[in-house]
C-alpha cells in the first residue's frame, strides 16, 4: 500500500514519508502506509503490513503507558467516513486523533550509545551538550538515559540541539515538561520491553498542545521511531542487529546507489526479511498476532 487506492469523498490527504493525513475538521485521520524511507528517500518498494505494525504497536503503547494522548479510536467502524467509503483499506492501519498544536521539536531519549549519538560522542565526548563519561564503547548502556532533543525537518535530517536551544524554541516551562515526560515514558516503556526480551536503545516522542494541556502524539515506541535490540544477543562494543529496516539500509549501501538520485527497487528477499523483523518486534512486545 504505497499510496491509497481510494479517496475519502474526494479528499486529498497530506502525504508524509510513510503516512497519509486526512483532515476531518475537528479531528485528523492518520493512515500508516507500507511506504518505507531510508537515507531521506521514500523507496519505490513498500513493505507489506509495515503500516499495520506501526499503527497497532502505537495503539498498544498508548494504552499500556496510560498517558494523555491524541487517540480517539483505531476502530474504523467508529470513524466518520462518508457513506460509500471503502473502509477495508483503512482497517488496522488508521488512527482517528485529536488535533493539537504540535511542538516543533523531536523529544529524543537515549539509553544506549548508538547512531548519531555514538558519532558525536567520538568527536566531542558529549551528545547534544550532555557530557558523558570517557571510555564508553559503541552500544554501551549509559549511566542513565539522557534527553537529546532535535529540530523537526520536513525533508532531510533532523538536527540535534541542546536543551538550552530547545528552551529558546518552546519556552522553559514546556521544555521542562517535555523532558521529564519523555524520560518517564522511556523508563516505563523500556522496563516493559526488557521484560519481553527487547532493549529499547533510543527513541523519539512528539507532543502537542490540546485543550490547555500537553498530550503525546504521533507514533510511540515503534521500529520506525526507536532502536530495538534483542536482549539475548546484546554485545556492547559494536553495532547491534535491530528490529527495523536494517536489511534495507544494508542492501542500499551495498547496491552502489549514490543516495543522491532516486533509489532502486528493493529485491523480494530484502522486503520479506524486513517485513518479518517488523512483525517479530510487534508480536514480541504486544504478545498479539498482527490483525
Protein backbone atom coordinates (compact mmCIF):
# COMPACT_ATOMS: atom_id res chain seq x y z
CA UNK A 1 0.00 0.00 0.00
CA UNK A 2 2.39 2.66 -1.21
CA UNK A 3 -0.49 5.04 -1.93
CA UNK A 4 -4.12 4.53 -1.00
CA UNK A 5 -6.09 3.34 -4.00
CA UNK A 6 -9.20 5.09 -2.75
CA UNK A 7 -10.08 8.59 -1.62
CA UNK A 8 -12.45 9.80 1.04
CA UNK A 9 -15.18 11.75 -0.69
CA UNK A 10 -12.62 13.31 -3.00
CA UNK A 11 -10.40 14.43 -0.10
CA UNK A 12 -6.69 14.63 -0.87
CA UNK A 13 -4.50 13.67 2.08
CA UNK A 14 -1.39 15.43 3.21
CA UNK A 15 1.22 12.84 2.37
CA UNK A 16 4.26 12.37 4.60
CA UNK A 17 7.10 9.94 4.09
CA UNK A 18 5.16 7.00 5.42
CA UNK A 19 1.72 8.30 6.41
CA UNK A 20 -1.30 9.94 4.86
CA UNK A 21 -3.22 12.50 6.92
CA UNK A 22 -6.86 13.34 6.27
CA UNK A 23 -8.40 16.44 7.85
CA UNK A 24 -11.92 15.76 9.16
CA UNK A 25 -12.35 19.27 10.56
CA UNK A 26 -12.34 18.64 14.30
CA UNK A 27 -10.11 15.55 14.06
CA UNK A 28 -7.39 14.01 11.92
CA UNK A 29 -7.19 10.57 10.38
CA UNK A 30 -3.63 9.20 10.37
CA UNK A 31 -3.16 6.34 7.92
CA UNK A 32 0.09 4.37 8.11
CA UNK A 33 1.03 3.22 4.62
CA UNK A 34 3.51 0.49 3.72
CA UNK A 35 5.95 3.03 2.33
CA UNK A 36 9.45 2.83 3.75
CA UNK A 37 12.12 5.52 3.80
CA UNK A 38 15.89 5.32 4.06
CA UNK A 39 18.64 7.91 3.77
CA UNK A 40 15.96 10.63 3.45
CA UNK A 41 14.32 8.98 0.43
CA UNK A 42 10.96 7.25 0.18
CA UNK A 43 11.75 4.00 -1.59
CA UNK A 44 9.80 2.83 -4.63
CA UNK A 45 9.17 -0.57 -2.99
CA UNK A 46 6.89 -0.89 0.02
CA UNK A 47 7.00 -3.44 2.83
CA UNK A 48 3.67 -5.27 3.19
CA UNK A 49 1.96 -4.82 6.58
CA UNK A 50 4.54 -2.31 7.82
CA UNK A 51 1.84 0.33 8.26
CA UNK A 52 -0.28 -2.05 10.30
CA UNK A 53 2.66 -2.80 12.58
CA UNK A 54 3.35 0.90 13.22
CA UNK A 55 -0.30 1.75 13.82
CA UNK A 56 -1.14 -1.22 16.02
CA UNK A 57 2.08 -1.05 18.02
CA UNK A 58 1.49 2.64 18.74
CA UNK A 59 -2.08 1.84 19.81
CA UNK A 60 -0.71 -0.82 22.18
CA UNK A 61 1.75 1.62 23.76
CA UNK A 62 -0.75 4.46 24.11
CA UNK A 63 -2.94 2.10 26.13
CA UNK A 64 -0.05 0.48 28.00
CA UNK A 65 1.55 3.76 29.07
CA UNK A 66 -1.67 5.44 30.18
CA UNK A 67 -0.56 8.99 29.38
CA UNK A 68 -2.73 11.73 27.88
CA UNK A 69 -2.59 11.28 24.11
CA UNK A 70 -4.25 12.10 20.82
CA UNK A 71 -6.06 8.82 20.14
CA UNK A 72 -9.82 8.96 19.68
CA UNK A 73 -10.23 5.50 18.15
CA UNK A 74 -8.46 2.92 16.00
CA UNK A 75 -11.74 1.16 15.18
CA UNK A 76 -12.60 2.08 11.59
CA UNK A 77 -16.29 1.31 12.19
CA UNK A 78 -16.36 4.23 14.64
CA UNK A 79 -14.64 6.71 12.30
CA UNK A 80 -16.68 9.38 10.47
CA UNK A 81 -16.17 8.07 6.94
CA UNK A 82 -18.69 9.33 4.39
CA UNK A 83 -21.19 6.75 3.16
CA UNK A 84 -19.77 4.67 0.35
CA UNK A 85 -16.14 4.81 1.54
CA UNK A 86 -14.30 1.50 1.20
CA UNK A 87 -13.07 1.27 4.78
CA UNK A 88 -11.36 -2.10 4.27
CA UNK A 89 -8.16 -0.39 3.08
CA UNK A 90 -8.01 1.63 6.31
CA UNK A 91 -8.58 -1.24 8.73
CA UNK A 92 -5.68 -1.96 11.08
CA UNK A 93 -3.57 0.95 9.87
CA UNK A 94 -5.61 4.03 10.85
CA UNK A 95 -5.99 6.21 13.93
CA UNK A 96 -8.57 8.94 14.38
CA UNK A 97 -6.95 11.53 16.60
CA UNK A 98 -7.43 14.86 18.29
CA UNK A 99 -5.98 17.91 16.59
CA UNK A 100 -3.23 19.55 18.57
CA UNK A 101 -0.67 22.30 18.11
CA UNK A 102 2.50 20.30 17.60
CA UNK A 103 5.71 21.32 19.37
CA UNK A 104 8.35 21.84 16.65
CA UNK A 105 10.90 19.55 18.31
CA UNK A 106 11.61 15.84 18.46
CA UNK A 107 11.96 14.62 22.06
CA UNK A 108 14.76 12.07 21.78
CA UNK A 109 15.77 9.85 24.69
CA UNK A 110 18.90 7.71 24.55
CA UNK A 111 19.57 4.85 26.93
CA UNK A 112 22.48 3.42 24.94
CA UNK A 113 25.24 4.96 22.86
CA UNK A 114 24.45 4.36 19.19
CA UNK A 115 23.80 6.04 15.85
CA UNK A 116 24.44 9.78 15.64
CA UNK A 117 24.97 9.86 19.41
CA UNK A 118 27.89 7.44 19.11
CA UNK A 119 29.41 9.50 16.29
CA UNK A 120 29.06 12.77 18.22
CA UNK A 121 30.48 11.21 21.37
CA UNK A 122 33.54 10.07 19.42
CA UNK A 123 34.13 13.62 18.22
CA UNK A 124 33.28 15.65 21.34
CA UNK A 125 32.73 13.36 24.31
CA UNK A 126 29.20 14.76 24.51
CA UNK A 127 25.79 14.20 22.93
CA UNK A 128 23.68 17.32 22.32
CA UNK A 129 25.58 19.17 25.01
CA UNK A 130 25.29 16.35 27.56
CA UNK A 131 28.77 15.44 28.76
CA UNK A 132 29.30 11.68 29.07
CA UNK A 133 31.97 9.62 30.87
CA UNK A 134 35.10 8.90 28.86
CA UNK A 135 35.88 5.42 27.58
CA UNK A 136 32.38 4.37 26.57
CA UNK A 137 32.13 1.91 23.68
CA UNK A 138 29.59 1.68 20.87
CA UNK A 139 26.17 0.39 22.01
CA UNK A 140 27.12 0.67 25.68
CA UNK A 141 24.35 1.39 28.14
CA UNK A 142 24.59 4.91 29.50
CA UNK A 143 24.82 5.51 33.27
CA UNK A 144 21.29 6.91 32.95
CA UNK A 145 19.10 7.80 29.97
CA UNK A 146 19.71 11.25 28.50
CA UNK A 147 17.34 13.68 26.80
CA UNK A 148 18.75 14.92 23.49
CA UNK A 149 16.19 16.95 21.52
CA UNK A 150 16.30 17.74 17.84
CA UNK A 151 14.56 20.01 15.40
CA UNK A 152 11.80 18.64 13.19
CA UNK A 153 12.66 18.63 9.50
CA UNK A 154 10.02 18.28 6.78
CA UNK A 155 12.75 16.99 4.47
CA UNK A 156 16.28 15.79 5.14
CA UNK A 157 17.75 15.13 8.56
CA UNK A 158 16.53 16.45 11.90
CA UNK A 159 19.28 18.49 13.59
CA UNK A 160 20.40 17.69 17.14
CA UNK A 161 20.14 20.65 19.52
CA UNK A 162 20.95 21.34 23.16
CA UNK A 163 18.28 21.60 25.83
CA UNK A 164 19.00 25.34 26.10
CA UNK A 165 18.28 25.69 22.38
CA UNK A 166 15.02 23.81 22.90
CA UNK A 167 14.07 26.27 25.65
CA UNK A 168 14.53 29.09 23.15
CA UNK A 169 12.10 27.34 20.78
CA UNK A 170 9.30 26.18 23.10
CA UNK A 171 9.88 28.09 26.36
CA UNK A 172 11.29 26.95 29.68
CA UNK A 173 8.16 25.51 31.30
CA UNK A 174 7.17 23.46 28.26
CA UNK A 175 10.76 22.26 27.73
CA UNK A 176 11.00 21.01 31.31
CA UNK A 177 7.67 19.20 30.99
CA UNK A 178 8.64 17.60 27.67
CA UNK A 179 11.98 16.43 29.05
CA UNK A 180 10.57 14.94 32.25
CA UNK A 181 7.66 13.30 30.41
CA UNK A 182 9.94 11.83 27.73
CA UNK A 183 12.33 10.37 30.31
CA UNK A 184 9.44 8.92 32.32
CA UNK A 185 7.75 7.33 29.29
CA UNK A 186 11.08 5.94 28.09
CA UNK A 187 11.84 4.44 31.50
CA UNK A 188 8.46 2.73 31.78
CA UNK A 189 8.44 1.57 28.18
CA UNK A 190 11.99 0.24 28.45
CA UNK A 191 11.23 -1.67 31.62
CA UNK A 192 8.26 -3.37 30.00
CA UNK A 193 10.14 -4.10 26.74
CA UNK A 194 13.08 -5.59 28.64
CA UNK A 195 10.68 -7.97 30.38
CA UNK A 196 9.72 -9.14 26.87
CA UNK A 197 13.36 -9.57 25.79
CA UNK A 198 13.79 -6.32 23.84
CA UNK A 199 16.17 -3.45 24.63
CA UNK A 200 14.95 -0.01 23.59
CA UNK A 201 18.25 1.70 22.88
CA UNK A 202 16.76 5.06 21.98
CA UNK A 203 13.53 6.58 20.75
CA UNK A 204 11.81 9.84 19.88
CA UNK A 205 8.49 11.25 21.01
CA UNK A 206 6.32 14.07 19.79
CA UNK A 207 3.93 16.18 21.84
CA UNK A 208 1.21 18.69 21.13
CA UNK A 209 -0.92 21.26 22.93
CA UNK A 210 -4.59 20.32 23.28
CA UNK A 211 -7.28 21.99 25.39
CA UNK A 212 -4.72 23.72 27.59
CA UNK A 213 -2.64 20.62 28.25
CA UNK A 214 0.24 18.73 26.65
CA UNK A 215 -0.52 15.35 25.07
CA UNK A 216 1.57 12.60 23.49
CA UNK A 217 1.02 12.37 19.73
CA UNK A 218 2.27 10.74 16.53
CA UNK A 219 3.67 7.20 16.90
CA UNK A 220 5.13 5.73 20.07
CA UNK A 221 7.94 3.21 20.59
CA UNK A 222 7.75 1.62 17.14
CA UNK A 223 10.57 0.19 15.00
CA UNK A 224 10.46 3.41 12.94
CA UNK A 225 10.78 5.78 15.90
CA UNK A 226 13.03 3.60 18.08
CA UNK A 227 16.05 1.34 18.02
CA UNK A 228 15.08 -2.15 19.24
CA UNK A 229 17.73 -4.75 20.09
CA UNK A 230 17.49 -8.34 21.26
CA UNK A 231 18.34 -8.63 24.96
CA UNK A 232 19.74 -12.13 24.44
CA UNK A 233 22.07 -11.10 21.57
CA UNK A 234 23.25 -7.78 23.02
CA UNK A 235 27.04 -7.34 22.93
CA UNK A 236 28.44 -3.83 23.51
CA UNK A 237 31.49 -2.67 21.58
CA UNK A 238 29.88 -2.85 18.15
CA UNK A 239 26.68 -2.09 16.29
CA UNK A 240 23.72 -4.30 17.19
CA UNK A 241 21.25 -6.11 14.91
CA UNK A 242 17.95 -4.27 15.21
CA UNK A 243 14.25 -4.88 14.63
CA UNK A 244 13.79 -2.30 11.89
CA UNK A 245 14.83 -1.51 8.33
CA UNK A 246 18.42 -2.64 8.82
CA UNK A 247 18.16 -5.09 5.90
CA UNK A 248 17.02 -2.21 3.68
CA UNK A 249 19.84 0.13 4.73
CA UNK A 250 22.45 -2.62 4.38
CA UNK A 251 21.26 -3.61 0.91
CA UNK A 252 21.07 0.00 -0.31
CA UNK A 253 24.59 0.69 0.99
CA UNK A 254 25.98 -2.34 -0.86
CA UNK A 255 23.95 -1.74 -4.03
CA UNK A 256 26.12 1.09 -5.32
CA UNK A 257 23.28 3.62 -5.09
CA UNK A 258 24.73 7.12 -4.65
CA UNK A 259 21.98 8.26 -2.20
CA UNK A 260 21.56 11.44 -4.26
CA UNK A 261 19.37 10.09 -7.06
CA UNK A 262 16.07 8.16 -6.98
CA UNK A 263 16.65 4.87 -5.15
CA UNK A 264 16.36 1.43 -6.77
CA UNK A 265 13.61 -1.13 -6.24
CA UNK A 266 14.21 -3.50 -3.34
CA UNK A 267 14.66 -7.22 -4.02
CA UNK A 268 11.95 -9.56 -2.76
CA UNK A 269 14.16 -11.20 -0.13
CA UNK A 270 15.06 -7.84 1.46
CA UNK A 271 11.39 -6.89 1.59
CA UNK A 272 10.49 -10.26 3.13
CA UNK A 273 13.22 -10.08 5.78
CA UNK A 274 12.28 -6.52 6.71
CA UNK A 275 8.59 -7.41 6.98
CA UNK A 276 9.46 -10.36 9.20
CA UNK A 277 11.51 -8.18 11.57
CA UNK A 278 8.73 -5.62 11.96
CA UNK A 279 6.16 -8.32 12.68
CA UNK A 280 8.52 -10.14 15.06
CA UNK A 281 9.02 -6.95 17.10
CA UNK A 282 5.26 -6.38 17.22
CA UNK A 283 4.44 -9.91 18.35
CA UNK A 284 7.19 -10.00 20.99
CA UNK A 285 6.23 -6.68 22.55
CA UNK A 286 2.44 -6.94 22.38
CA UNK A 287 2.08 -10.73 22.74
CA UNK A 288 -0.52 -10.48 19.96
CA UNK A 289 -0.79 -11.51 16.34
CA UNK A 290 -0.94 -8.72 13.78
CA UNK A 291 -4.54 -8.14 12.72
